[in-house]
Amino acid sequence: MTARMRKVIWDSANTPVGVTLAQLLYRIRKHDARGGLMFDPLTAADILADADSVLTLDALVVP
C-alpha cells in the first residue's frame, strides 16, 4: 500500500496549521523509514558535488 502525502498549510508565523511541529516531524520520519533519505546527513560539499548547474539552497535544517 502506498502512503499518501498530506498537504501542510503554514501560517504567517511559519507554524504548521492543525498539527504541531513535533507531529509533522514524526510523520516525515515515519513515512521516510523505508528509504531513510530525508534525514541522511549531507555537507554543503556533498550537495554542490551532485549539482548539475547553479544551485540555490532555500532551507537547511541543523539540529
N, C-alpha and C. Protein backbone atom coordinates (compact mmCIF):
# COMPACT_ATOMS: atom_id res chain seq x y z
N MET A 1 0.84 -1.18 0.00
CA MET A 1 0.00 0.00 0.00
C MET A 1 0.89 1.24 0.00
N THR A 2 0.59 2.19 -0.84
CA THR A 2 1.35 3.42 -0.93
C THR A 2 0.78 4.46 0.01
N ALA A 3 1.64 5.07 0.79
CA ALA A 3 1.20 6.13 1.71
C ALA A 3 0.94 7.40 0.91
N ARG A 4 -0.11 8.11 1.28
CA ARG A 4 -0.45 9.35 0.60
C ARG A 4 0.19 10.52 1.33
N MET A 5 0.66 11.47 0.57
CA MET A 5 1.22 12.67 1.17
C MET A 5 0.09 13.60 1.59
N ARG A 6 0.28 14.27 2.71
CA ARG A 6 -0.71 15.24 3.18
C ARG A 6 -0.14 16.64 3.01
N LYS A 7 -0.96 17.52 2.48
CA LYS A 7 -0.54 18.91 2.32
C LYS A 7 -0.44 19.56 3.69
N VAL A 8 0.61 20.33 3.89
CA VAL A 8 0.79 21.06 5.15
C VAL A 8 0.62 22.55 4.85
N ILE A 9 -0.27 23.17 5.59
CA ILE A 9 -0.51 24.60 5.45
C ILE A 9 0.27 25.30 6.56
N TRP A 10 0.99 26.35 6.21
CA TRP A 10 1.79 27.11 7.17
C TRP A 10 1.18 28.49 7.35
N ASP A 11 1.19 28.98 8.58
CA ASP A 11 0.66 30.31 8.84
C ASP A 11 1.76 31.37 8.68
N SER A 12 1.41 32.61 8.94
CA SER A 12 2.37 33.70 8.74
C SER A 12 3.52 33.67 9.75
N ALA A 13 3.37 32.92 10.82
CA ALA A 13 4.44 32.76 11.82
C ALA A 13 5.31 31.54 11.52
N ASN A 14 5.14 30.97 10.32
CA ASN A 14 5.88 29.78 9.90
C ASN A 14 5.65 28.59 10.81
N THR A 15 4.39 28.42 11.22
CA THR A 15 3.97 27.31 12.06
C THR A 15 2.95 26.49 11.28
N PRO A 16 3.06 25.16 11.28
CA PRO A 16 2.07 24.36 10.58
C PRO A 16 0.68 24.51 11.21
N VAL A 17 -0.34 24.57 10.38
CA VAL A 17 -1.71 24.75 10.84
C VAL A 17 -2.35 23.37 11.05
N GLY A 18 -2.97 23.18 12.23
CA GLY A 18 -3.71 21.95 12.50
C GLY A 18 -2.86 20.76 12.94
N VAL A 19 -1.58 20.97 13.11
CA VAL A 19 -0.68 19.91 13.54
C VAL A 19 0.51 20.58 14.24
N THR A 20 1.04 19.93 15.26
CA THR A 20 2.22 20.50 15.91
C THR A 20 3.46 20.19 15.07
N LEU A 21 4.51 20.93 15.31
CA LEU A 21 5.75 20.68 14.60
C LEU A 21 6.28 19.28 14.92
N ALA A 22 6.13 18.87 16.17
CA ALA A 22 6.58 17.52 16.57
C ALA A 22 5.80 16.44 15.81
N GLN A 23 4.48 16.63 15.65
CA GLN A 23 3.68 15.66 14.91
C GLN A 23 4.09 15.62 13.44
N LEU A 24 4.38 16.78 12.88
CA LEU A 24 4.79 16.85 11.48
C LEU A 24 6.12 16.14 11.26
N LEU A 25 7.08 16.39 12.13
CA LEU A 25 8.37 15.71 12.02
C LEU A 25 8.23 14.20 12.21
N TYR A 26 7.34 13.79 13.11
CA TYR A 26 7.08 12.36 13.30
C TYR A 26 6.55 11.73 12.01
N ARG A 27 5.59 12.41 11.36
CA ARG A 27 5.03 11.89 10.10
C ARG A 27 6.12 11.76 9.03
N ILE A 28 6.98 12.76 8.95
CA ILE A 28 8.06 12.72 7.95
C ILE A 28 8.96 11.52 8.22
N ARG A 29 9.37 11.36 9.48
CA ARG A 29 10.24 10.22 9.83
C ARG A 29 9.55 8.89 9.59
N LYS A 30 8.28 8.79 9.94
CA LYS A 30 7.52 7.55 9.77
C LYS A 30 7.44 7.15 8.30
N HIS A 31 7.14 8.09 7.44
CA HIS A 31 6.99 7.77 6.02
C HIS A 31 8.32 7.64 5.31
N ASP A 32 9.39 8.12 5.91
CA ASP A 32 10.71 8.01 5.31
C ASP A 32 11.45 6.78 5.81
N ALA A 33 10.84 6.01 6.69
CA ALA A 33 11.51 4.87 7.31
C ALA A 33 11.99 3.84 6.29
N ARG A 34 11.26 3.67 5.20
CA ARG A 34 11.65 2.68 4.20
C ARG A 34 12.91 3.08 3.46
N GLY A 35 12.95 4.33 3.03
CA GLY A 35 14.10 4.79 2.25
C GLY A 35 15.17 5.43 3.11
N GLY A 36 14.75 6.07 4.18
CA GLY A 36 15.69 6.69 5.09
C GLY A 36 16.49 7.82 4.50
N LEU A 37 15.95 8.48 3.48
CA LEU A 37 16.72 9.52 2.80
C LEU A 37 16.51 10.92 3.36
N MET A 38 15.38 11.16 3.99
CA MET A 38 15.05 12.52 4.41
C MET A 38 16.04 13.07 5.43
N PHE A 39 16.50 12.25 6.34
CA PHE A 39 17.36 12.74 7.40
C PHE A 39 18.79 12.25 7.28
N ASP A 40 19.20 11.80 6.09
CA ASP A 40 20.60 11.45 5.88
C ASP A 40 21.44 12.71 5.96
N PRO A 41 22.52 12.68 6.72
CA PRO A 41 23.35 13.88 6.83
C PRO A 41 24.10 14.15 5.54
N LEU A 42 24.17 15.41 5.16
CA LEU A 42 24.92 15.86 3.99
C LEU A 42 25.68 17.12 4.34
N THR A 43 26.81 17.30 3.70
CA THR A 43 27.53 18.56 3.85
C THR A 43 27.21 19.42 2.63
N ALA A 44 27.51 20.70 2.71
CA ALA A 44 27.33 21.58 1.55
C ALA A 44 28.16 21.07 0.38
N ALA A 45 29.34 20.53 0.66
CA ALA A 45 30.19 19.99 -0.41
C ALA A 45 29.51 18.81 -1.10
N ASP A 46 28.81 17.95 -0.34
CA ASP A 46 28.07 16.83 -0.93
C ASP A 46 27.00 17.34 -1.89
N ILE A 47 26.27 18.34 -1.46
CA ILE A 47 25.19 18.90 -2.28
C ILE A 47 25.75 19.52 -3.55
N LEU A 48 26.78 20.34 -3.41
CA LEU A 48 27.36 21.02 -4.56
C LEU A 48 28.01 20.05 -5.54
N ALA A 49 28.60 18.97 -5.04
CA ALA A 49 29.23 17.98 -5.91
C ALA A 49 28.20 17.27 -6.78
N ASP A 50 26.96 17.15 -6.31
CA ASP A 50 25.91 16.45 -7.04
C ASP A 50 25.10 17.39 -7.93
N ALA A 51 25.32 18.69 -7.84
CA ALA A 51 24.55 19.66 -8.61
C ALA A 51 25.01 19.69 -10.06
N ASP A 52 24.04 19.79 -10.98
CA ASP A 52 24.36 19.86 -12.41
C ASP A 52 24.64 21.29 -12.87
N SER A 53 24.12 22.26 -12.14
CA SER A 53 24.27 23.65 -12.56
C SER A 53 24.18 24.56 -11.34
N VAL A 54 23.84 25.82 -11.58
CA VAL A 54 23.72 26.78 -10.49
C VAL A 54 22.66 26.28 -9.50
N LEU A 55 22.93 26.45 -8.24
CA LEU A 55 22.08 25.90 -7.20
C LEU A 55 21.72 26.95 -6.19
N THR A 56 20.48 26.99 -5.79
CA THR A 56 20.03 27.87 -4.71
C THR A 56 19.48 27.00 -3.60
N LEU A 57 20.01 27.18 -2.41
CA LEU A 57 19.50 26.45 -1.25
C LEU A 57 18.50 27.36 -0.55
N ASP A 58 17.28 26.89 -0.40
CA ASP A 58 16.27 27.73 0.24
C ASP A 58 16.05 27.38 1.70
N ALA A 59 16.57 26.24 2.15
CA ALA A 59 16.41 25.89 3.56
C ALA A 59 17.43 24.82 3.95
N LEU A 60 17.98 24.98 5.11
CA LEU A 60 18.84 23.96 5.70
C LEU A 60 18.38 23.79 7.13
N VAL A 61 18.28 22.55 7.58
CA VAL A 61 17.86 22.28 8.95
C VAL A 61 19.06 21.67 9.66
N VAL A 62 19.42 22.26 10.77
CA VAL A 62 20.56 21.81 11.53
C VAL A 62 20.12 21.57 12.97
N PRO A 63 20.36 20.37 13.49
CA PRO A 63 19.96 20.14 14.88
C PRO A 63 20.79 20.96 15.84
